[in-house]
Amino acid sequence: MSKNLEIASDTRPGKKLARPSQSLAKRVRDVLVSLGGEAHRAMVIEQVARSLGHDVRQIPDDLQVALIHSFEENWRDERRRAAYGFHLPFGEGSHRWSVRTFH
């Protein structure tokens, strides 16, 4: 099974199957938090790919597209943006991603 297909099935036994976009969004959020809350999307993609076992010198295009789409889809939806804390500090079109943490 290819690694990109494993993303969609990345759940624990007995746990309700999460939508792949939500699983990726959670991974993006976790990486952003670990990087201090803000990073260039290329670094975020690299870190997520590494956590999934990919060689970061050859990240599959479909994984990169899926991660970008997941961030953008969740950023555009007001409810999900609030849930994940996604933010574009330099505005739409920026490749700098951040996450707002709520205390």
C-alpha atoms as a PDB file:
ATOM      1  CA  MET A   1       0.000   0.000   0.000  1.00  0.00           C
ATOM      2  CA  SER A   2       1.424   3.406  -0.850  1.00  0.00           C
ATOM      3  CA  LYS A   3       2.138   5.884   1.917  1.00  0.00           C
ATOM      4  CA  ASN A   4      -0.429   8.394   0.661  1.00  0.00           C
ATOM      5  CA  LEU A   5      -3.161   5.765   0.966  1.00  0.00           C
ATOM      6  CA  GLU A   6      -2.032   5.005   4.496  1.00  0.00           C
ATOM      7  CA  ILE A   7      -2.815   8.586   5.459  1.00  0.00           C
ATOM      8  CA  ALA A   8      -6.528   8.048   4.899  1.00  0.00           C
ATOM      9  CA  SER A   9      -6.554   4.918   7.033  1.00  0.00           C
ATOM     10  CA  ASP A  10      -4.346   6.335   9.798  1.00  0.00           C
ATOM     11  CA  THR A  11      -6.655   5.676  12.736  1.00  0.00           C
ATOM     12  CA  ARG A  12      -6.610   3.512  15.830  1.00  0.00           C
ATOM     13  CA  PRO A  13      -8.672   0.319  15.938  1.00  0.00           C
ATOM     14  CA  GLY A  14     -12.183   1.018  17.137  1.00  0.00           C
ATOM     15  CA  LYS A  15     -11.875   4.702  16.442  1.00  0.00           C
ATOM     16  CA  LYS A  16     -14.283   6.365  14.040  1.00  0.00           C
ATOM     17  CA  LEU A  17     -12.632   6.882  10.650  1.00  0.00           C
ATOM     18  CA  ALA A  18     -11.596  10.520  10.307  1.00  0.00           C
ATOM     19  CA  ARG A  19     -11.778  12.317   7.004  1.00  0.00           C
ATOM     20  CA  PRO A  20      -8.309  12.379   5.411  1.00  0.00           C
ATOM     21  CA  SER A  21      -8.372  16.182   5.248  1.00  0.00           C
ATOM     22  CA  GLN A  22      -9.010  16.388   8.985  1.00  0.00           C
ATOM     23  CA  SER A  23      -6.205  13.909   9.726  1.00  0.00           C
ATOM     24  CA  LEU A  24      -3.833  15.972   7.614  1.00  0.00           C
ATOM     25  CA  ALA A  25      -5.047  19.211   9.183  1.00  0.00           C
ATOM     26  CA  LYS A  26      -4.316  17.797  12.636  1.00  0.00           C
ATOM     27  CA  ARG A  27      -0.827  16.803  11.494  1.00  0.00           C
ATOM     28  CA  VAL A  28      -0.260  20.299  10.058  1.00  0.00           C
ATOM     29  CA  ARG A  29      -1.446  21.854  13.313  1.00  0.00           C
ATOM     30  CA  ASP A  30       0.803  19.591  15.403  1.00  0.00           C
ATOM     31  CA  VAL A  31       3.837  20.462  13.263  1.00  0.00           C
ATOM     32  CA  LEU A  32       3.096  24.183  13.429  1.00  0.00           C
ATOM     33  CA  VAL A  33       2.810  24.008  17.211  1.00  0.00           C
ATOM     34  CA  SER A  34       6.106  22.085  17.411  1.00  0.00           C
ATOM     35  CA  LEU A  35       7.774  24.746  15.241  1.00  0.00           C
ATOM     36  CA  GLY A  36       6.702  27.539  17.559  1.00  0.00           C
ATOM     37  CA  GLY A  37       3.370  28.306  15.919  1.00  0.00           C
ATOM     38  CA  GLU A  38       4.555  29.606  12.549  1.00  0.00           C
ATOM     39  CA  ALA A  39       6.600  28.369   9.582  1.00  0.00           C
ATOM     40  CA  HIS A  40       6.884  28.415   5.812  1.00  0.00           C
ATOM     41  CA  ARG A  41       4.551  25.813   4.333  1.00  0.00           C
ATOM     42  CA  ALA A  42       7.504  24.003   2.702  1.00  0.00           C
ATOM     43  CA  MET A  43       8.951  23.309   6.151  1.00  0.00           C
ATOM     44  CA  VAL A  44       5.566  22.139   7.440  1.00  0.00           C
ATOM     45  CA  ILE A  45       5.141  19.805   4.465  1.00  0.00           C
ATOM     46  CA  GLU A  46       8.652  18.440   4.995  1.00  0.00           C
ATOM     47  CA  GLN A  47       8.012  17.743   8.684  1.00  0.00           C
ATOM     48  CA  VAL A  48       4.669  16.032   8.033  1.00  0.00           C
ATOM     49  CA  ALA A  49       6.223  13.945   5.244  1.00  0.00           C
ATOM     50  CA  ARG A  50       9.073  12.930   7.557  1.00  0.00           C
ATOM     51  CA  SER A  51       6.590  11.883  10.251  1.00  0.00           C
ATOM     52  CA  LEU A  52       4.840   9.698   7.676  1.00  0.00           C
ATOM     53  CA  GLY A  53       8.133   7.996   6.764  1.00  0.00           C
ATOM     54  CA  HIS A  54       8.810   9.719   3.444  1.00  0.00           C
ATOM     55  CA  ASP A  55      12.235  10.697   2.166  1.00  0.00           C
ATOM     56  CA  VAL A  56      12.027  14.489   2.399  1.00  0.00           C
ATOM     57  CA  ARG A  57      14.246  14.821  -0.673  1.00  0.00           C
ATOM     58  CA  GLN A  58      11.440  13.277  -2.748  1.00  0.00           C
ATOM     59  CA  ILE A  59       8.099  14.138  -1.177  1.00  0.00           C
ATOM     60  CA  PRO A  60       5.269  12.803  -3.356  1.00  0.00           C
ATOM     61  CA  ASP A  61       3.434  15.548  -5.228  1.00  0.00           C
ATOM     62  CA  ASP A  62       0.064  14.158  -4.176  1.00  0.00           C
ATOM     63  CA  LEU A  63       1.037  14.465  -0.500  1.00  0.00           C
ATOM     64  CA  GLN A  64       2.178  18.067  -0.978  1.00  0.00           C
ATOM     65  CA  VAL A  65      -1.046  18.959  -2.798  1.00  0.00           C
ATOM     66  CA  ALA A  66      -3.147  17.189  -0.156  1.00  0.00           C
ATOM     67  CA  LEU A  67      -1.448  19.079   2.689  1.00  0.00           C
ATOM     68  CA  ILE A  68      -1.825  22.454   0.984  1.00  0.00           C
ATOM     69  CA  HIS A  69      -5.455  21.685   0.144  1.00  0.00           C
ATOM     70  CA  SER A  70      -6.139  20.555   3.711  1.00  0.00           C
ATOM     71  CA  PHE A  71      -4.713  23.748   5.200  1.00  0.00           C
ATOM     72  CA  GLU A  72      -6.550  25.989   2.731  1.00  0.00           C
ATOM     73  CA  GLU A  73      -9.845  24.107   3.042  1.00  0.00           C
ATOM     74  CA  ASN A  74      -9.771  24.345   6.834  1.00  0.00           C
ATOM     75  CA  TRP A  75      -8.577  27.960   6.799  1.00  0.00           C
ATOM     76  CA  ARG A  76     -11.459  29.027   4.535  1.00  0.00           C
ATOM     77  CA  ASP A  77     -14.133  27.422   6.728  1.00  0.00           C
ATOM     78  CA  GLU A  78     -14.718  29.750   9.683  1.00  0.00           C
ATOM     79  CA  ARG A  79     -15.712  27.006  12.118  1.00  0.00           C
ATOM     80  CA  ARG A  80     -12.798  24.719  11.241  1.00  0.00           C
ATOM     81  CA  ARG A  81     -10.373  27.663  11.134  1.00  0.00           C
ATOM     82  CA  ALA A  82     -11.360  28.415  14.725  1.00  0.00           C
ATOM     83  CA  ALA A  83     -11.048  24.758  15.728  1.00  0.00           C
ATOM     84  CA  TYR A  84      -7.545  24.329  14.273  1.00  0.00           C
ATOM     85  CA  GLY A  85      -6.401  27.910  14.833  1.00  0.00           C
ATOM     86  CA  PHE A  86      -5.069  28.207  11.270  1.00  0.00           C
ATOM     87  CA  HIS A  87      -3.923  31.673  10.275  1.00  0.00           C
ATOM     88  CA  LEU A  88      -2.109  33.298   7.350  1.00  0.00           C
ATOM     89  CA  PRO A  89      -0.041  36.043   9.019  1.00  0.00           C
ATOM     90  CA  PHE A  90       0.774  37.728   5.701  1.00  0.00           C
ATOM     91  CA  GLY A  91      -2.678  37.291   4.161  1.00  0.00           C
ATOM     92  CA  GLU A  92      -4.196  35.135   1.479  1.00  0.00           C
ATOM     93  CA  GLY A  93      -1.696  33.792  -1.019  1.00  0.00           C
ATOM     94  CA  SER A  94       1.081  33.756   1.563  1.00  0.00           C
ATOM     95  CA  HIS A  95       3.135  30.611   2.004  1.00  0.00           C
ATOM     96  CA  ARG A  96       3.721  31.437   5.665  1.00  0.00           C
ATOM     97  CA  TRP A  97       1.374  29.365   7.792  1.00  0.00           C
ATOM     98  CA  SER A  98       0.656  29.817  11.452  1.00  0.00           C
ATOM     99  CA  VAL A  99      -1.569  28.498  14.153  1.00  0.00           C
ATOM    100  CA  ARG A 100      -3.155  30.508  16.908  1.00  0.00           C
ATOM    101  CA  THR A 101      -3.173  28.713  20.213  1.00  0.00           C
ATOM    102  CA  PHE A 102      -5.943  29.332  22.662  1.00  0.00           C
ATOM    103  CA  HIS A 103      -5.189  29.410  26.371  1.00  0.00           C
END
